[in-house]
Amino acid sequence: MKSDRQNKAAGKVVKIGVNQLTNPTPDAAKIIFRIILYLSAVYVMAVQPNLDLPQVTQALINKWLLFGNAFINVTIKFFGWDHPAN
């Protein structure tokens, strides 16, 4: 698997679309997803218990965090390294 730097040196560019599902996802997109996932986990495990929120509100926040992380995980797969069209 090539790094972002190697793909860029090979003349590839990041494109978005269904055609990119089979191409390698840029490292930057993966890092952004991991940061969001990590921050969500920190919030749920460390911050939320100390906020004294009602259970209904906690459940709603957790549901949207779960949905958001899943959505981002699927969305980054639509970004891929590809050769530019000539």
PDB file of N, CA and C in Angstrom:
ATOM      1  N   MET A   1       0.846  -1.169   0.000  1.00  0.00           N
ATOM      2  CA  MET A   1       0.000   0.000   0.000  1.00  0.00           C
ATOM      3  C   MET A   1       0.893   1.233   0.000  1.00  0.00           C
ATOM      4  N   LYS A   2       0.594   2.153  -0.897  1.00  0.00           N
ATOM      5  CA  LYS A   2       1.403   3.355  -1.041  1.00  0.00           C
ATOM      6  C   LYS A   2       0.930   4.441  -0.085  1.00  0.00           C
ATOM      7  N   SER A   3       1.870   5.278   0.321  1.00  0.00           N
ATOM      8  CA  SER A   3       1.525   6.409   1.186  1.00  0.00           C
ATOM      9  C   SER A   3       0.976   7.545   0.330  1.00  0.00           C
ATOM     10  N   ASP A   4       0.432   8.547   0.993  1.00  0.00           N
ATOM     11  CA  ASP A   4      -0.083   9.715   0.273  1.00  0.00           C
ATOM     12  C   ASP A   4       1.031  10.378  -0.534  1.00  0.00           C
ATOM     13  N   ARG A   5       2.207  10.460   0.050  1.00  0.00           N
ATOM     14  CA  ARG A   5       3.344  11.104  -0.628  1.00  0.00           C
ATOM     15  C   ARG A   5       3.720  10.323  -1.889  1.00  0.00           C
ATOM     16  N   GLN A   6       3.718   8.995  -1.816  1.00  0.00           N
ATOM     17  CA  GLN A   6       4.059   8.167  -2.979  1.00  0.00           C
ATOM     18  C   GLN A   6       2.998   8.295  -4.071  1.00  0.00           C
ATOM     19  N   ASN A   7       1.723   8.324  -3.676  1.00  0.00           N
ATOM     20  CA  ASN A   7       0.653   8.483  -4.660  1.00  0.00           C
ATOM     21  C   ASN A   7       0.740   9.831  -5.355  1.00  0.00           C
ATOM     22  N   LYS A   8       1.032  10.879  -4.596  1.00  0.00           N
ATOM     23  CA  LYS A   8       1.149  12.220  -5.176  1.00  0.00           C
ATOM     24  C   LYS A   8       2.341  12.278  -6.128  1.00  0.00           C
ATOM     25  N   ALA A   9       3.457  11.657  -5.739  1.00  0.00           N
ATOM     26  CA  ALA A   9       4.641  11.625  -6.594  1.00  0.00           C
ATOM     27  C   ALA A   9       4.383  10.840  -7.880  1.00  0.00           C
ATOM     28  N   ALA A  10       3.482   9.874  -7.827  1.00  0.00           N
ATOM     29  CA  ALA A  10       3.143   9.074  -9.012  1.00  0.00           C
ATOM     30  C   ALA A  10       2.168   9.807  -9.926  1.00  0.00           C
ATOM     31  N   GLY A  11       1.805  11.037  -9.560  1.00  0.00           N
ATOM     32  CA  GLY A  11       0.913  11.828 -10.404  1.00  0.00           C
ATOM     33  C   GLY A  11      -0.555  11.611 -10.131  1.00  0.00           C
ATOM     34  N   LYS A  12      -0.876  10.926  -9.059  1.00  0.00           N
ATOM     35  CA  LYS A  12      -2.278  10.684  -8.736  1.00  0.00           C
ATOM     36  C   LYS A  12      -2.850  11.876  -7.969  1.00  0.00           C
ATOM     37  N   VAL A  13      -4.149  12.017  -8.044  1.00  0.00           N
ATOM     38  CA  VAL A  13      -4.864  13.071  -7.319  1.00  0.00           C
ATOM     39  C   VAL A  13      -6.017  12.439  -6.554  1.00  0.00           C
ATOM     40  N   VAL A  14      -6.476  13.135  -5.526  1.00  0.00           N
ATOM     41  CA  VAL A  14      -7.613  12.650  -4.757  1.00  0.00           C
ATOM     42  C   VAL A  14      -8.882  13.036  -5.499  1.00  0.00           C
ATOM     43  N   LYS A  15      -9.712  12.040  -5.742  1.00  0.00           N
ATOM     44  CA  LYS A  15     -11.002  12.268  -6.393  1.00  0.00           C
ATOM     45  C   LYS A  15     -12.103  11.754  -5.475  1.00  0.00           C
ATOM     46  N   ILE A  16     -13.314  12.216  -5.738  1.00  0.00           N
ATOM     47  CA  ILE A  16     -14.473  11.825  -4.940  1.00  0.00           C
ATOM     48  C   ILE A  16     -15.501  11.191  -5.855  1.00  0.00           C
ATOM     49  N   GLY A  17     -16.101  10.093  -5.408  1.00  0.00           N
ATOM     50  CA  GLY A  17     -17.176   9.480  -6.169  1.00  0.00           C
ATOM     51  C   GLY A  17     -17.234   7.980  -5.970  1.00  0.00           C
ATOM     52  N   VAL A  18     -18.243   7.389  -6.566  1.00  0.00           N
ATOM     53  CA  VAL A  18     -18.462   5.949  -6.454  1.00  0.00           C
ATOM     54  C   VAL A  18     -17.308   5.175  -7.087  1.00  0.00           C
ATOM     55  N   ASN A  19     -16.705   5.735  -8.142  1.00  0.00           N
ATOM     56  CA  ASN A  19     -15.593   5.056  -8.812  1.00  0.00           C
ATOM     57  C   ASN A  19     -14.370   4.918  -7.907  1.00  0.00           C
ATOM     58  N   GLN A  20     -14.309   5.662  -6.830  1.00  0.00           N
ATOM     59  CA  GLN A  20     -13.149   5.645  -5.942  1.00  0.00           C
ATOM     60  C   GLN A  20     -13.223   4.556  -4.874  1.00  0.00           C
ATOM     61  N   LEU A  21     -14.317   3.820  -4.812  1.00  0.00           N
ATOM     62  CA  LEU A  21     -14.474   2.802  -3.772  1.00  0.00           C
ATOM     63  C   LEU A  21     -13.379   1.740  -3.806  1.00  0.00           C
ATOM     64  N   THR A  22     -12.828   1.464  -4.978  1.00  0.00           N
ATOM     65  CA  THR A  22     -11.789   0.443  -5.089  1.00  0.00           C
ATOM     66  C   THR A  22     -10.382   1.028  -4.989  1.00  0.00           C
ATOM     67  N   ASN A  23     -10.262   2.349  -5.011  1.00  0.00           N
ATOM     68  CA  ASN A  23      -8.956   2.997  -4.914  1.00  0.00           C
ATOM     69  C   ASN A  23      -8.588   3.231  -3.448  1.00  0.00           C
ATOM     70  N   PRO A  24      -7.288   3.372  -3.162  1.00  0.00           N
ATOM     71  CA  PRO A  24      -6.866   3.596  -1.778  1.00  0.00           C
ATOM     72  C   PRO A  24      -7.383   4.927  -1.233  1.00  0.00           C
ATOM     73  N   THR A  25      -7.863   4.890  -0.007  1.00  0.00           N
ATOM     74  CA  THR A  25      -8.352   6.098   0.665  1.00  0.00           C
ATOM     75  C   THR A  25      -7.152   6.907   1.155  1.00  0.00           C
ATOM     76  N   PRO A  26      -7.178   8.235   0.978  1.00  0.00           N
ATOM     77  CA  PRO A  26      -6.068   9.062   1.460  1.00  0.00           C
ATOM     78  C   PRO A  26      -5.889   8.935   2.971  1.00  0.00           C
ATOM     79  N   ASP A  27      -4.620   8.945   3.393  1.00  0.00           N
ATOM     80  CA  ASP A  27      -4.308   8.829   4.820  1.00  0.00           C
ATOM     81  C   ASP A  27      -4.947   9.951   5.629  1.00  0.00           C
ATOM     82  N   ALA A  28      -5.020  11.145   5.064  1.00  0.00           N
ATOM     83  CA  ALA A  28      -5.600  12.283   5.782  1.00  0.00           C
ATOM     84  C   ALA A  28      -7.060  12.011   6.152  1.00  0.00           C
ATOM     85  N   ALA A  29      -7.818  11.411   5.245  1.00  0.00           N
ATOM     86  CA  ALA A  29      -9.228  11.094   5.531  1.00  0.00           C
ATOM     87  C   ALA A  29      -9.328  10.071   6.652  1.00  0.00           C
ATOM     88  N   LYS A  30      -8.436   9.082   6.642  1.00  0.00           N
ATOM     89  CA  LYS A  30      -8.436   8.069   7.695  1.00  0.00           C
ATOM     90  C   LYS A  30      -8.077   8.685   9.051  1.00  0.00           C
ATOM     91  N   ILE A  31      -7.118   9.598   9.046  1.00  0.00           N
ATOM     92  CA  ILE A  31      -6.708  10.250  10.292  1.00  0.00           C
ATOM     93  C   ILE A  31      -7.828  11.109  10.850  1.00  0.00           C
ATOM     94  N   ILE A  32      -8.523  11.841   9.985  1.00  0.00           N
ATOM     95  CA  ILE A  32      -9.653  12.664  10.433  1.00  0.00           C
ATOM     96  C   ILE A  32     -10.728  11.784  11.061  1.00  0.00           C
ATOM     97  N   PHE A  33     -11.040  10.659  10.437  1.00  0.00           N
ATOM     98  CA  PHE A  33     -12.031   9.738  10.999  1.00  0.00           C
ATOM     99  C   PHE A  33     -11.590   9.232  12.367  1.00  0.00           C
ATOM    100  N   ARG A  34     -10.329   8.847  12.479  1.00  0.00           N
ATOM    101  CA  ARG A  34      -9.833   8.326  13.757  1.00  0.00           C
ATOM    102  C   ARG A  34      -9.870   9.377  14.861  1.00  0.00           C
ATOM    103  N   ILE A  35      -9.580  10.626  14.512  1.00  0.00           N
ATOM    104  CA  ILE A  35      -9.643  11.704  15.508  1.00  0.00           C
ATOM    105  C   ILE A  35     -11.074  11.901  15.988  1.00  0.00           C
ATOM    106  N   ILE A  36     -12.013  11.927  15.060  1.00  0.00           N
ATOM    107  CA  ILE A  36     -13.428  12.092  15.430  1.00  0.00           C
ATOM    108  C   ILE A  36     -13.899  10.915  16.271  1.00  0.00           C
ATOM    109  N   LEU A  37     -13.520   9.704  15.892  1.00  0.00           N
ATOM    110  CA  LEU A  37     -13.886   8.511  16.653  1.00  0.00           C
ATOM    111  C   LEU A  37     -13.305   8.567  18.061  1.00  0.00           C
ATOM    112  N   TYR A  38     -12.049   8.957  18.173  1.00  0.00           N
ATOM    113  CA  TYR A  38     -11.392   9.056  19.475  1.00  0.00           C
ATOM    114  C   TYR A  38     -12.071  10.108  20.353  1.00  0.00           C
ATOM    115  N   LEU A  39     -12.344  11.284  19.786  1.00  0.00           N
ATOM    116  CA  LEU A  39     -13.005  12.334  20.561  1.00  0.00           C
ATOM    117  C   LEU A  39     -14.407  11.909  21.006  1.00  0.00           C
ATOM    118  N   SER A  40     -15.099  11.176  20.165  1.00  0.00           N
ATOM    119  CA  SER A  40     -16.425  10.668  20.538  1.00  0.00           C
ATOM    120  C   SER A  40     -16.318   9.708  21.711  1.00  0.00           C
ATOM    121  N   ALA A  41     -15.332   8.830  21.666  1.00  0.00           N
ATOM    122  CA  ALA A  41     -15.145   7.865  22.748  1.00  0.00           C
ATOM    123  C   ALA A  41     -14.766   8.558  24.048  1.00  0.00           C
ATOM    124  N   VAL A  42     -13.896   9.547  23.973  1.00  0.00           N
ATOM    125  CA  VAL A  42     -13.506  10.296  25.168  1.00  0.00           C
ATOM    126  C   VAL A  42     -14.718  10.996  25.758  1.00  0.00           C
ATOM    127  N   TYR A  43     -15.540  11.587  24.903  1.00  0.00           N
ATOM    128  CA  TYR A  43     -16.735  12.274  25.384  1.00  0.00           C
ATOM    129  C   TYR A  43     -17.667  11.299  26.108  1.00  0.00           C
ATOM    130  N   VAL A  44     -17.937  10.166  25.486  1.00  0.00           N
ATOM    131  CA  VAL A  44     -18.888   9.202  26.062  1.00  0.00           C
ATOM    132  C   VAL A  44     -18.344   8.586  27.348  1.00  0.00           C
ATOM    133  N   MET A  45     -17.056   8.303  27.399  1.00  0.00           N
ATOM    134  CA  MET A  45     -16.505   7.606  28.557  1.00  0.00           C
ATOM    135  C   MET A  45     -16.072   8.544  29.682  1.00  0.00           C
ATOM    136  N   ALA A  46     -15.616   9.751  29.360  1.00  0.00           N
ATOM    137  CA  ALA A  46     -15.048  10.609  30.401  1.00  0.00           C
ATOM    138  C   ALA A  46     -15.859  11.876  30.672  1.00  0.00           C
ATOM    139  N   VAL A  47     -16.382  12.476  29.650  1.00  0.00           N
ATOM    140  CA  VAL A  47     -17.066  13.765  29.825  1.00  0.00           C
ATOM    141  C   VAL A  47     -18.532  13.575  30.180  1.00  0.00           C
ATOM    142  N   GLN A  48     -19.230  12.789  29.407  1.00  0.00           N
ATOM    143  CA  GLN A  48     -20.672  12.638  29.588  1.00  0.00           C
ATOM    144  C   GLN A  48     -21.087  12.189  30.993  1.00  0.00           C
ATOM    145  N   PRO A  49     -20.391  11.236  31.612  1.00  0.00           N
ATOM    146  CA  PRO A  49     -20.803  10.830  32.966  1.00  0.00           C
ATOM    147  C   PRO A  49     -20.699  11.953  33.998  1.00  0.00           C
ATOM    148  N   ASN A  50     -19.869  12.940  33.745  1.00  0.00           N
ATOM    149  CA  ASN A  50     -19.678  14.040  34.682  1.00  0.00           C
ATOM    150  C   ASN A  50     -20.583  15.235  34.419  1.00  0.00           C
ATOM    151  N   LEU A  51     -21.410  15.182  33.388  1.00  0.00           N
ATOM    152  CA  LEU A  51     -22.269  16.310  33.038  1.00  0.00           C
ATOM    153  C   LEU A  51     -23.626  16.262  33.713  1.00  0.00           C
ATOM    154  N   ASP A  52     -23.988  15.132  34.287  1.00  0.00           N
ATOM    155  CA  ASP A  52     -25.281  14.982  34.953  1.00  0.00           C
ATOM    156  C   ASP A  52     -26.443  15.304  34.005  1.00  0.00           C
ATOM    157  N   LEU A  53     -26.363  14.737  32.799  1.00  0.00           N
ATOM    158  CA  LEU A  53     -27.432  14.909  31.816  1.00  0.00           C
ATOM    159  C   LEU A  53     -28.517  13.866  32.050  1.00  0.00           C
ATOM    160  N   PRO A  54     -29.756  14.185  31.697  1.00  0.00           N
ATOM    161  CA  PRO A  54     -30.818  13.166  31.782  1.00  0.00           C
ATOM    162  C   PRO A  54     -30.489  11.977  30.867  1.00  0.00           C
ATOM    163  N   GLN A  55     -30.951  10.798  31.255  1.00  0.00           N
ATOM    164  CA  GLN A  55     -30.677   9.580  30.483  1.00  0.00           C
ATOM    165  C   GLN A  55     -31.156   9.693  29.043  1.00  0.00           C
ATOM    166  N   VAL A  56     -32.293  10.334  28.853  1.00  0.00           N
ATOM    167  CA  VAL A  56     -32.839  10.482  27.495  1.00  0.00           C
ATOM    168  C   VAL A  56     -31.890  11.308  26.641  1.00  0.00           C
ATOM    169  N   THR A  57     -31.349  12.377  27.197  1.00  0.00           N
ATOM    170  CA  THR A  57     -30.419  13.236  26.467  1.00  0.00           C
ATOM    171  C   THR A  57     -29.125  12.487  26.162  1.00  0.00           C
ATOM    172  N   GLN A  58     -28.617  11.726  27.122  1.00  0.00           N
ATOM    173  CA  GLN A  58     -27.409  10.936  26.893  1.00  0.00           C
ATOM    174  C   GLN A  58     -27.621   9.924  25.777  1.00  0.00           C
ATOM    175  N   ALA A  59     -28.759   9.262  25.799  1.00  0.00           N
ATOM    176  CA  ALA A  59     -29.058   8.261  24.766  1.00  0.00           C
ATOM    177  C   ALA A  59     -29.144   8.918  23.391  1.00  0.00           C
ATOM    178  N   LEU A  60     -29.745  10.090  23.327  1.00  0.00           N
ATOM    179  CA  LEU A  60     -29.866  10.802  22.051  1.00  0.00           C
ATOM    180  C   LEU A  60     -28.494  11.222  21.533  1.00  0.00           C
ATOM    181  N   ILE A  61     -27.657  11.766  22.405  1.00  0.00           N
ATOM    182  CA  ILE A  61     -26.299  12.159  22.010  1.00  0.00           C
ATOM    183  C   ILE A  61     -25.513  10.936  21.548  1.00  0.00           C
ATOM    184  N   ASN A  62     -25.593   9.847  22.300  1.00  0.00           N
ATOM    185  CA  ASN A  62     -24.865   8.627  21.928  1.00  0.00           C
ATOM    186  C   ASN A  62     -25.333   8.076  20.588  1.00  0.00           C
ATOM    187  N   LYS A  63     -26.639   8.149  20.349  1.00  0.00           N
ATOM    188  CA  LYS A  63     -27.176   7.672  19.077  1.00  0.00           C
ATOM    189  C   LYS A  63     -26.602   8.475  17.922  1.00  0.00           C
ATOM    190  N   TRP A  64     -26.551   9.802  18.055  1.00  0.00           N
ATOM    191  CA  TRP A  64     -26.046  10.647  16.985  1.00  0.00           C
ATOM    192  C   TRP A  64     -24.535  10.519  16.818  1.00  0.00           C
ATOM    193  N   LEU A  65     -23.817  10.298  17.907  1.00  0.00           N
ATOM    194  CA  LEU A  65     -22.380  10.053  17.786  1.00  0.00           C
ATOM    195  C   LEU A  65     -22.119   8.754  17.032  1.00  0.00           C
ATOM    196  N   LEU A  66     -22.878   7.726  17.359  1.00  0.00           N
ATOM    197  CA  LEU A  66     -22.737   6.444  16.679  1.00  0.00           C
ATOM    198  C   LEU A  66     -23.082   6.579  15.199  1.00  0.00           C
ATOM    199  N   PHE A  67     -24.192   7.241  14.908  1.00  0.00           N
ATOM    200  CA  PHE A  67     -24.592   7.451  13.514  1.00  0.00           C
ATOM    201  C   PHE A  67     -23.543   8.282  12.774  1.00  0.00           C
ATOM    202  N   GLY A  68     -23.075   9.355  13.407  1.00  0.00           N
ATOM    203  CA  GLY A  68     -22.089  10.228  12.773  1.00  0.00           C
ATOM    204  C   GLY A  68     -20.792   9.514  12.464  1.00  0.00           C
ATOM    205  N   ASN A  69     -20.300   8.720  13.399  1.00  0.00           N
ATOM    206  CA  ASN A  69     -19.063   7.971  13.162  1.00  0.00           C
ATOM    207  C   ASN A  69     -19.230   6.952  12.045  1.00  0.00           C
ATOM    208  N   ALA A  70     -20.348   6.257  12.029  1.00  0.00           N
ATOM    209  CA  ALA A  70     -20.611   5.285  10.958  1.00  0.00           C
ATOM    210  C   ALA A  70     -20.706   5.991   9.609  1.00  0.00           C
ATOM    211  N   PHE A  71     -21.388   7.131   9.574  1.00  0.00           N
ATOM    212  CA  PHE A  71     -21.546   7.900   8.334  1.00  0.00           C
ATOM    213  C   PHE A  71     -20.185   8.369   7.810  1.00  0.00           C
ATOM    214  N   ILE A  72     -19.350   8.884   8.689  1.00  0.00           N
ATOM    215  CA  ILE A  72     -18.026   9.355   8.278  1.00  0.00           C
ATOM    216  C   ILE A  72     -17.177   8.189   7.786  1.00  0.00           C
ATOM    217  N   ASN A  73     -17.254   7.046   8.467  1.00  0.00           N
ATOM    218  CA  ASN A  73     -16.490   5.875   8.059  1.00  0.00           C
ATOM    219  C   ASN A  73     -16.867   5.429   6.648  1.00  0.00           C
ATOM    220  N   VAL A  74     -18.130   5.478   6.318  1.00  0.00           N
ATOM    221  CA  VAL A  74     -18.573   5.095   4.970  1.00  0.00           C
ATOM    222  C   VAL A  74     -18.198   6.182   3.965  1.00  0.00           C
ATOM    223  N   THR A  75     -18.353   7.441   4.347  1.00  0.00           N
ATOM    224  CA  THR A  75     -18.112   8.559   3.434  1.00  0.00           C
ATOM    225  C   THR A  75     -16.652   8.640   2.999  1.00  0.00           C
ATOM    226  N   ILE A  76     -15.704   8.369   3.896  1.00  0.00           N
ATOM    227  CA  ILE A  76     -14.294   8.503   3.504  1.00  0.00           C
ATOM    228  C   ILE A  76     -13.908   7.493   2.433  1.00  0.00           C
ATOM    229  N   LYS A  77     -14.654   6.424   2.292  1.00  0.00           N
ATOM    230  CA  LYS A  77     -14.346   5.437   1.263  1.00  0.00           C
ATOM    231  C   LYS A  77     -14.623   5.976  -0.147  1.00  0.00           C
ATOM    232  N   PHE A  78     -15.397   7.062  -0.247  1.00  0.00           N
ATOM    233  CA  PHE A  78     -15.681   7.679  -1.543  1.00  0.00           C
ATOM    234  C   PHE A  78     -14.557   8.616  -1.989  1.00  0.00           C
ATOM    235  N   PHE A  79     -13.539   8.807  -1.148  1.00  0.00           N
ATOM    236  CA  PHE A  79     -12.357   9.568  -1.502  1.00  0.00           C
ATOM    237  C   PHE A  79     -11.268   8.565  -1.873  1.00  0.00           C
ATOM    238  N   GLY A  80     -10.605   8.768  -3.000  1.00  0.00           N
ATOM    239  CA  GLY A  80      -9.586   7.817  -3.401  1.00  0.00           C
ATOM    240  C   GLY A  80      -8.531   8.439  -4.274  1.00  0.00           C
ATOM    241  N   TRP A  81      -7.339   7.837  -4.254  1.00  0.00           N
ATOM    242  CA  TRP A  81      -6.259   8.260  -5.121  1.00  0.00           C
ATOM    243  C   TRP A  81      -6.499   7.697  -6.520  1.00  0.00           C
ATOM    244  N   ASP A  82      -6.471   8.570  -7.529  1.00  0.00           N
ATOM    245  CA  ASP A  82      -6.736   8.138  -8.901  1.00  0.00           C
ATOM    246  C   ASP A  82      -5.872   8.958  -9.834  1.00  0.00           C
ATOM    247  N   HIS A  83      -5.663   8.439 -11.045  1.00  0.00           N
ATOM    248  CA  HIS A  83      -4.924   9.187 -12.062  1.00  0.00           C
ATOM    249  C   HIS A  83      -5.828  10.274 -12.612  1.00  0.00           C
ATOM    250  N   PRO A  84      -5.267  11.471 -12.855  1.00  0.00           N
ATOM    251  CA  PRO A  84      -6.100  12.544 -13.407  1.00  0.00           C
ATOM    252  C   PRO A  84      -6.524  12.224 -14.839  1.00  0.00           C
ATOM    253  N   ALA A  85      -7.703  12.696 -15.188  1.00  0.00           N
ATOM    254  CA  ALA A  85      -8.196  12.483 -16.558  1.00  0.00           C
ATOM    255  C   ALA A  85      -7.445  13.407 -17.512  1.00  0.00           C
ATOM    256  N   ASN A  86      -7.041  12.857 -18.613  1.00  0.00           N
ATOM    257  CA  ASN A  86      -6.302  13.661 -19.599  1.00  0.00           C
ATOM    258  C   ASN A  86      -7.188  14.092 -20.715  1.00  0.00           C
TER     259      ASN A  86
END
